């Protein structure tokens, strides 16, 4: 065989072997790059391309791939930190935030939404569609793009607390002015009427020249002044209690024995349920007792005021438990009938009452106690079951 042909064949074989080796090397490197991005897509950053005992080209490639991994890992960790930071911010605000897609799936929400909508889990808008119609919830909605898809960002806020606080503050300022002026005016009138009545009842006045008719008329007028003044003083003193709330002195106490003591003071059978049995509350027990006692008294009066016998057994129930925010909830419920809507909207306003002998101070004072204690008192009515519940929230 011609030597030239042999040389050509050898060169061709070397070229083919070199190409095959280069192609295999290229394929191995492509697989390494594919492995890198597949692992990153799956959130797995535990891999490492070795750089020991490798040829120069492999070392350069492996070092580059490791640098890419570290850079993307660092970027991902920073993004996760930012997301946690933003989530903490969202959970710290009182405004509820929901992100809803075009199919009404709830993609994201903060803790305030669960509290405002009284829900444990939110996955679809249908779960809370009726609650979103609550007139106490202010709703603001905006459109946005998220990963190329249209979403709605819904912001919810509870306007009832804000309005309630403003309303109470306004009442307090007004009452303080009124009590100051009325007390200064009526105290000397009452004192004077008492003095005149004493003189009128004395023998000296009865021996005076005035006729018995004039004496009787004068006595009747003074008695009216005294009675009116005394009633007005009692009236003002009631409202003074509302505006001069003592500073709470909170301490830990067991809820079950506390409710048992409250039930003993109630002239009615009371069902008590506490979950868990060793539930503790941190509040001013004396102030909270005023609230519970007043609510139990109102429940008993609701049964006494019924025009006919109830169709079901008269029931008063105390139910204590905790919510997701670990606040202590005490529900005071009765089945004496629902409070009409037109009355329910006014029951917490100071001086409002539907009772002939009522002062209108009980419920407003109870809500004020819970307000200064950092909690709340609200009305909830189950129209289907005919059950009225006053809910005490102790944070």
Protein backbone atom coordinates (compact mmCIF):
# COMPACT_ATOMS: atom_id res chain seq x y z
CA UNK A 1 0.00 0.00 0.00
CA UNK A 2 1.21 3.43 -0.91
CA UNK A 3 2.72 5.16 2.10
CA UNK A 4 0.75 8.32 1.32
CA UNK A 5 -2.52 6.49 1.52
CA UNK A 6 -1.52 5.04 4.87
CA UNK A 7 -0.69 8.48 6.19
CA UNK A 8 -4.01 9.87 4.96
CA UNK A 9 -5.94 7.01 6.59
CA UNK A 10 -4.10 7.50 9.88
CA UNK A 11 -4.77 11.22 9.83
CA UNK A 12 -8.44 10.59 9.09
CA UNK A 13 -8.67 8.13 11.97
CA UNK A 14 -7.02 10.59 14.32
CA UNK A 15 -9.41 13.30 13.15
CA UNK A 16 -12.44 11.06 13.63
CA UNK A 17 -11.29 9.95 17.08
CA UNK A 18 -10.60 13.58 18.03
CA UNK A 19 -14.01 14.65 16.76
CA UNK A 20 -15.70 11.84 18.67
CA UNK A 21 -13.84 12.78 21.85
CA UNK A 22 -14.68 16.46 21.33
CA UNK A 23 -18.33 15.64 20.66
CA UNK A 24 -18.53 13.45 23.79
CA UNK A 25 -16.89 16.20 25.83
CA UNK A 26 -19.39 18.71 24.41
CA UNK A 27 -22.31 16.42 25.25
CA UNK A 28 -21.06 15.95 28.82
CA UNK A 29 -20.78 19.69 29.27
CA UNK A 30 -24.25 20.27 27.81
CA UNK A 31 -25.66 17.70 30.26
CA UNK A 32 -23.94 19.51 33.14
CA UNK A 33 -25.53 22.80 32.11
CA UNK A 34 -28.93 21.10 31.76
CA UNK A 35 -28.48 19.54 35.21
CA UNK A 36 -27.65 22.98 36.65
CA UNK A 37 -30.83 24.63 35.38
CA UNK A 38 -33.06 21.64 36.16
CA UNK A 39 -31.83 21.66 39.77
CA UNK A 40 -32.38 25.42 40.06
CA UNK A 41 -35.89 25.10 38.62
CA UNK A 42 -36.63 22.56 41.37
CA UNK A 43 -35.16 24.85 44.03
CA UNK A 44 -32.28 22.43 44.74
CA UNK A 45 -28.98 24.20 45.39
CA UNK A 46 -27.25 21.33 47.16
CA UNK A 47 -25.24 20.20 44.12
CA UNK A 48 -21.56 21.01 43.51
CA UNK A 49 -19.35 20.49 40.48
CA UNK A 50 -15.97 19.14 41.65
CA UNK A 51 -12.81 21.01 40.62
CA UNK A 52 -10.21 18.64 42.06
CA UNK A 53 -8.28 16.23 39.83
CA UNK A 54 -9.79 17.64 36.66
CA UNK A 55 -8.22 18.86 33.48
CA UNK A 56 -7.88 22.56 32.94
CA UNK A 57 -10.95 22.87 30.67
CA UNK A 58 -13.20 20.93 33.08
CA UNK A 59 -11.98 23.00 36.02
CA UNK A 60 -12.83 26.24 34.23
CA UNK A 61 -16.30 24.92 33.31
CA UNK A 62 -17.01 23.57 36.79
CA UNK A 63 -15.86 26.76 38.49
CA UNK A 64 -18.09 28.80 36.16
CA UNK A 65 -21.10 26.57 36.81
CA UNK A 66 -20.50 26.76 40.59
CA UNK A 67 -20.33 30.57 40.37
CA UNK A 68 -23.60 30.66 38.45
CA UNK A 69 -25.19 28.42 41.12
CA UNK A 70 -23.96 30.63 43.98
CA UNK A 71 -25.14 33.79 42.24
CA UNK A 72 -28.62 32.39 41.56
CA UNK A 73 -28.81 30.91 45.07
CA UNK A 74 -27.91 34.25 46.60
CA UNK A 75 -30.48 36.03 44.40
CA UNK A 76 -33.18 33.51 45.38
CA UNK A 77 -32.39 33.86 49.09
CA UNK A 78 -32.59 37.65 48.80
CA UNK A 79 -35.95 37.35 47.05
CA UNK A 80 -37.27 35.02 49.77
CA UNK A 81 -36.09 37.44 52.46
CA UNK A 82 -37.89 40.30 50.71
CA UNK A 83 -41.05 38.22 50.43
CA UNK A 84 -40.92 37.40 54.15
CA UNK A 85 -40.32 41.06 54.91
CA UNK A 86 -43.29 42.15 52.78
CA UNK A 87 -45.44 39.40 54.32
CA UNK A 88 -44.58 40.61 57.81
CA UNK A 89 -45.51 44.15 56.80
CA UNK A 90 -48.85 42.98 55.37
CA UNK A 91 -49.62 40.95 58.50
CA UNK A 92 -48.78 43.92 60.73
CA UNK A 93 -51.43 46.22 59.23
CA UNK A 94 -55.11 46.22 60.20
CA UNK A 95 -56.20 46.47 56.57
CA UNK A 96 -57.05 43.12 54.99
CA UNK A 97 -55.36 42.39 51.65
CA UNK A 98 -56.42 39.68 49.15
CA UNK A 99 -55.01 38.87 45.70
CA UNK A 100 -57.71 37.22 43.56
CA UNK A 101 -57.31 35.80 40.03
CA UNK A 102 -59.82 35.90 37.18
CA UNK A 103 -61.44 32.67 38.42
CA UNK A 104 -61.99 34.13 41.93
CA UNK A 105 -59.26 31.95 43.43
CA UNK A 106 -57.55 33.69 46.37
CA UNK A 107 -53.83 33.54 45.56
CA UNK A 108 -52.58 35.39 48.63
CA UNK A 109 -53.94 37.12 51.73
CA UNK A 110 -52.76 38.51 55.05
CA UNK A 111 -53.90 37.69 58.59
CA UNK A 112 -56.13 40.77 58.83
CA UNK A 113 -58.42 39.34 56.13
CA UNK A 114 -58.99 36.18 58.17
CA UNK A 115 -59.85 38.31 61.20
CA UNK A 116 -62.16 40.72 59.35
CA UNK A 117 -63.99 37.92 57.51
CA UNK A 118 -63.98 35.56 60.52
CA UNK A 119 -62.43 32.75 58.46
CA UNK A 120 -59.80 30.10 59.20
CA UNK A 121 -58.75 29.35 55.61
CA UNK A 122 -59.36 31.29 52.39
CA UNK A 123 -58.98 29.70 48.97
CA UNK A 124 -61.93 31.05 46.95
CA UNK A 125 -63.98 34.24 47.02
CA UNK A 126 -67.21 32.21 47.28
CA UNK A 127 -66.29 31.33 50.87
CA UNK A 128 -66.73 34.96 51.95
CA UNK A 129 -68.89 36.51 49.23
CA UNK A 130 -71.76 37.25 51.62
CA UNK A 131 -69.46 38.58 54.35
CA UNK A 132 -67.94 41.02 51.85
CA UNK A 133 -71.36 42.69 51.68
CA UNK A 134 -71.15 43.67 55.36
CA UNK A 135 -71.79 47.41 55.64
CA UNK A 136 -69.09 47.67 58.30
CA UNK A 137 -66.43 46.64 55.77
CA UNK A 138 -64.97 49.24 53.42
CA UNK A 139 -63.70 47.62 50.21
CA UNK A 140 -61.21 49.03 47.72
CA UNK A 141 -60.25 47.08 44.60
CA UNK A 142 -57.46 47.59 42.05
CA UNK A 143 -56.30 45.69 38.94
CA UNK A 144 -52.75 44.40 38.44
CA UNK A 145 -50.66 41.96 36.41
CA UNK A 146 -49.05 38.96 38.14
CA UNK A 147 -46.88 36.64 36.03
CA UNK A 148 -48.68 37.75 32.90
CA UNK A 149 -52.14 37.21 34.36
CA UNK A 150 -54.75 39.75 35.44
CA UNK A 151 -55.44 39.78 39.18
CA UNK A 152 -57.50 41.91 41.55
CA UNK A 153 -56.02 43.32 44.74
CA UNK A 154 -58.83 43.78 47.29
CA UNK A 155 -58.25 45.88 50.41
CA UNK A 156 -60.70 45.57 53.32
CA UNK A 157 -60.97 47.72 56.42
CA UNK A 158 -63.36 47.69 59.37
CA UNK A 159 -64.96 51.11 59.62
CA UNK A 160 -67.14 50.18 62.59
CA UNK A 161 -64.32 50.39 65.14
CA UNK A 162 -63.11 53.70 63.77
CA UNK A 163 -66.61 55.17 63.78
CA UNK A 164 -67.29 53.69 67.21
CA UNK A 165 -64.12 55.20 68.68
CA UNK A 166 -64.86 58.61 67.15
CA UNK A 167 -68.44 58.41 68.36
CA UNK A 168 -67.41 57.52 71.91
CA UNK A 169 -64.73 60.23 72.01
CA UNK A 170 -67.28 62.81 70.87
CA UNK A 171 -69.77 61.67 73.50
CA UNK A 172 -67.15 61.80 76.23
CA UNK A 173 -66.18 65.38 75.40
CA UNK A 174 -69.83 66.43 75.28
CA UNK A 175 -70.74 64.66 78.51
CA UNK A 176 -67.84 66.19 80.43
CA UNK A 177 -69.01 69.66 79.46
CA UNK A 178 -72.63 68.84 80.28
CA UNK A 179 -71.87 67.26 83.64
CA UNK A 180 -69.70 70.20 84.68
CA UNK A 181 -72.39 72.75 83.81
CA UNK A 182 -75.33 70.74 85.16
CA UNK A 183 -73.64 69.85 88.43
CA UNK A 184 -72.69 73.47 89.07
CA UNK A 185 -76.25 74.58 88.39
CA UNK A 186 -78.35 71.91 90.05
CA UNK A 187 -76.38 71.33 93.27
CA UNK A 188 -77.28 74.67 94.91
CA UNK A 189 -80.90 74.34 93.74
CA UNK A 190 -81.21 70.95 95.41
CA UNK A 191 -79.55 72.21 98.56
CA UNK A 192 -81.84 75.24 98.72
CA UNK A 193 -84.96 73.15 98.22
CA UNK A 194 -83.96 70.88 101.08
CA UNK A 195 -83.48 73.91 103.36
CA UNK A 196 -86.85 75.39 102.44
CA UNK A 197 -88.59 72.08 102.99
CA UNK A 198 -87.09 71.84 106.44
CA UNK A 199 -88.28 75.37 107.26
CA UNK A 200 -91.70 74.64 105.83
CA UNK A 201 -92.06 71.60 108.06
CA UNK A 202 -91.02 73.56 111.15
CA UNK A 203 -93.63 74.91 113.59
CA UNK A 204 -92.58 78.52 113.02
CA UNK A 205 -93.61 78.52 109.38
CA UNK A 206 -96.85 76.78 110.15
CA UNK A 207 -97.77 79.54 112.64
CA UNK A 208 -97.12 82.24 110.06
CA UNK A 209 -99.97 84.21 108.53
CA UNK A 210 -99.85 82.39 105.18
CA UNK A 211 -102.87 80.27 104.47
CA UNK A 212 -102.77 76.50 104.51
CA UNK A 213 -103.45 76.44 100.75
CA UNK A 214 -100.43 78.64 100.09
CA UNK A 215 -98.33 76.51 102.37
CA UNK A 216 -99.45 73.33 100.59
CA UNK A 217 -98.72 74.86 97.20
CA UNK A 218 -95.30 76.00 98.32
CA UNK A 219 -94.54 72.61 99.78
CA UNK A 220 -95.66 70.84 96.63
CA UNK A 221 -93.48 73.09 94.47
CA UNK A 222 -90.44 72.61 96.67
CA UNK A 223 -90.96 68.87 96.72
CA UNK A 224 -91.09 68.91 92.91
CA UNK A 225 -87.88 70.92 92.73
CA UNK A 226 -86.17 68.57 95.15
CA UNK A 227 -87.36 65.42 93.37
CA UNK A 228 -86.35 66.78 89.97
CA UNK A 229 -82.97 67.89 91.22
CA UNK A 230 -82.30 64.56 92.92
CA UNK A 231 -83.22 62.65 89.75
CA UNK A 232 -81.04 64.93 87.66
CA UNK A 233 -78.08 64.41 89.99
CA UNK A 234 -78.52 60.64 89.72
CA UNK A 235 -78.81 61.03 85.95
CA UNK A 236 -75.56 63.00 85.74
CA UNK A 237 -73.73 60.67 88.12
CA UNK A 238 -74.58 57.75 85.85
CA UNK A 239 -72.96 59.48 82.91
CA UNK A 240 -70.02 60.57 85.01
CA UNK A 241 -69.25 56.85 85.45
CA UNK A 242 -69.05 56.59 81.68
CA UNK A 243 -66.60 59.47 81.26
CA UNK A 244 -64.36 58.71 84.25
CA UNK A 245 -63.37 55.12 83.55
CA UNK A 246 -60.76 53.77 86.00
CA UNK A 247 -57.44 52.69 84.53
CA UNK A 248 -57.46 48.89 84.07
CA UNK A 249 -55.17 46.87 86.34
CA UNK A 250 -54.71 43.67 84.29
CA UNK A 251 -53.70 40.36 85.83
CA UNK A 252 -53.97 36.69 84.90
CA UNK A 253 -57.10 34.84 86.02
CA UNK A 254 -58.79 31.53 85.19
CA UNK A 255 -61.86 32.07 83.04
CA UNK A 256 -63.99 29.09 84.11
CA UNK A 257 -64.20 29.85 87.87
CA UNK A 258 -64.69 33.52 86.96
CA UNK A 259 -67.72 32.69 84.77
CA UNK A 260 -69.08 30.33 87.43
CA UNK A 261 -69.05 33.21 89.94
CA UNK A 262 -70.80 35.47 87.43
CA UNK A 263 -73.47 32.81 86.80
CA UNK A 264 -74.16 32.46 90.54
CA UNK A 265 -75.09 36.15 90.66
CA UNK A 266 -77.59 35.66 87.84
CA UNK A 267 -81.14 34.78 88.85
CA UNK A 268 -81.38 32.25 86.04
CA UNK A 269 -79.88 28.93 84.99
CA UNK A 270 -76.73 29.55 82.93
CA UNK A 271 -74.91 27.02 80.76
CA UNK A 272 -71.11 27.41 80.87
CA UNK A 273 -68.60 26.03 78.36
CA UNK A 274 -64.88 26.88 78.53
CA UNK A 275 -62.35 25.55 76.00
CA UNK A 276 -59.77 24.63 77.20
CA UNK A 277 -60.80 24.09 80.79
CA UNK A 278 -57.70 25.88 82.13
CA UNK A 279 -58.19 28.93 79.90
CA UNK A 280 -56.45 32.02 81.25
CA UNK A 281 -57.23 35.68 80.52
CA UNK A 282 -55.06 38.73 81.14
CA UNK A 283 -57.31 41.65 82.04
CA UNK A 284 -58.79 43.63 84.91
CA UNK A 285 -61.10 40.96 86.38
CA UNK A 286 -63.15 43.53 88.30
CA UNK A 287 -63.90 45.58 85.16
CA UNK A 288 -64.65 42.49 83.04
CA UNK A 289 -67.04 41.29 85.77
CA UNK A 290 -69.06 44.52 85.35
CA UNK A 291 -69.42 43.76 81.63
CA UNK A 292 -70.44 40.10 82.07
CA UNK A 293 -72.83 40.91 84.93
CA UNK A 294 -74.54 43.60 82.88
CA UNK A 295 -74.93 41.29 79.88
CA UNK A 296 -76.37 38.51 82.04
CA UNK A 297 -78.78 40.97 83.68
CA UNK A 298 -79.92 42.13 80.24
CA UNK A 299 -80.45 38.51 79.15
CA UNK A 300 -82.63 37.77 82.19
CA UNK A 301 -84.62 40.98 81.61
CA UNK A 302 -85.11 39.95 77.97
CA UNK A 303 -86.88 36.76 79.14
CA UNK A 304 -88.88 38.65 81.78
CA UNK A 305 -90.04 41.12 79.15
CA UNK A 306 -91.47 38.49 76.80
CA UNK A 307 -95.20 38.91 76.17
CA UNK A 308 -95.73 35.14 75.83
CA UNK A 309 -94.02 31.95 76.92
CA UNK A 310 -91.07 31.00 74.66
CA UNK A 311 -91.64 28.00 72.39
CA UNK A 312 -88.24 26.59 73.33
CA UNK A 313 -86.58 26.30 76.72
CA UNK A 314 -85.22 29.64 77.91
CA UNK A 315 -81.45 29.40 77.64
CA UNK A 316 -78.56 31.66 78.68
CA UNK A 317 -75.11 30.44 77.68
CA UNK A 318 -71.56 31.54 78.49
CA UNK A 319 -69.01 30.19 76.02
CA UNK A 320 -65.31 31.03 76.41
CA UNK A 321 -62.58 30.08 73.91
CA UNK A 322 -59.66 31.55 71.95
CA UNK A 323 -59.35 32.69 68.35
CA UNK A 324 -56.40 32.37 65.95
CA UNK A 325 -54.85 35.54 67.37
CA UNK A 326 -54.96 33.87 70.83
CA UNK A 327 -57.41 36.46 72.13
CA UNK A 328 -59.89 35.22 74.74
CA UNK A 329 -63.50 35.31 73.51
CA UNK A 330 -66.48 35.22 75.87
CA UNK A 331 -69.86 34.83 74.15
CA UNK A 332 -72.93 35.71 76.24
CA UNK A 333 -75.91 34.23 74.38
CA UNK A 334 -79.64 33.87 74.93
CA UNK A 335 -82.64 32.67 72.92
CA UNK A 336 -85.10 35.29 74.19
CA UNK A 337 -85.50 36.64 70.68
CA UNK A 338 -83.62 38.95 68.33
CA UNK A 339 -83.07 42.65 68.84
CA UNK A 340 -84.77 44.60 66.01
CA UNK A 341 -82.34 46.10 63.50
CA UNK A 342 -83.44 49.67 64.20
CA UNK A 343 -82.76 49.14 67.91
CA UNK A 344 -79.57 47.08 67.44
CA UNK A 345 -77.90 49.93 65.57
CA UNK A 346 -78.30 52.21 68.63
CA UNK A 347 -77.81 49.97 71.65
CA UNK A 348 -74.18 51.00 72.27
CA UNK A 349 -74.91 54.73 72.07
CA UNK A 350 -74.77 56.35 75.52
CA UNK A 351 -78.19 57.19 77.03
CA UNK A 352 -80.14 55.15 74.46
CA UNK A 353 -82.64 52.78 76.10
CA UNK A 354 -85.92 51.06 75.32
CA UNK A 355 -86.64 50.27 79.00
CA UNK A 356 -89.02 52.56 80.89
CA UNK A 357 -86.75 52.58 83.94
CA UNK A 358 -83.47 52.21 82.05
CA UNK A 359 -80.62 54.71 82.14
CA UNK A 360 -79.14 53.79 78.76
CA UNK A 361 -75.70 53.54 80.30
CA UNK A 362 -75.19 49.76 80.73
CA UNK A 363 -74.13 48.65 77.25
CA UNK A 364 -72.29 51.85 76.39
CA UNK A 365 -70.39 51.62 79.69
CA UNK A 366 -69.61 47.95 79.01
CA UNK A 367 -68.23 48.76 75.57
CA UNK A 368 -66.20 51.61 77.04
CA UNK A 369 -64.72 49.20 79.61
CA UNK A 370 -63.66 46.83 76.84
CA UNK A 371 -62.31 49.75 74.80
CA UNK A 372 -60.01 50.99 77.59
CA UNK A 373 -59.01 47.36 78.21
CA UNK A 374 -57.81 47.07 74.60
CA UNK A 375 -60.61 44.67 73.65
CA UNK A 376 -64.07 44.98 72.17
CA UNK A 377 -67.76 44.26 72.74
CA UNK A 378 -70.01 43.55 69.77
CA UNK A 379 -73.46 42.21 68.96
CA UNK A 380 -73.98 39.08 66.82
CA UNK A 381 -77.42 37.69 66.00
CA UNK A 382 -78.22 34.30 64.50
CA UNK A 383 -81.51 35.00 62.74
CA UNK A 384 -82.01 31.37 61.76
CA UNK A 385 -81.75 30.11 65.36
CA UNK A 386 -83.15 33.26 67.02
CA UNK A 387 -80.07 33.59 69.23
CA UNK A 388 -78.60 36.90 70.38
CA UNK A 389 -74.91 36.93 71.31
CA UNK A 390 -72.81 39.66 72.86
CA UNK A 391 -69.14 38.90 72.16
CA UNK A 392 -66.41 40.05 74.55
CA UNK A 393 -62.89 40.01 73.07
CA UNK A 394 -59.96 40.18 75.53
CA UNK A 395 -56.65 40.54 73.64
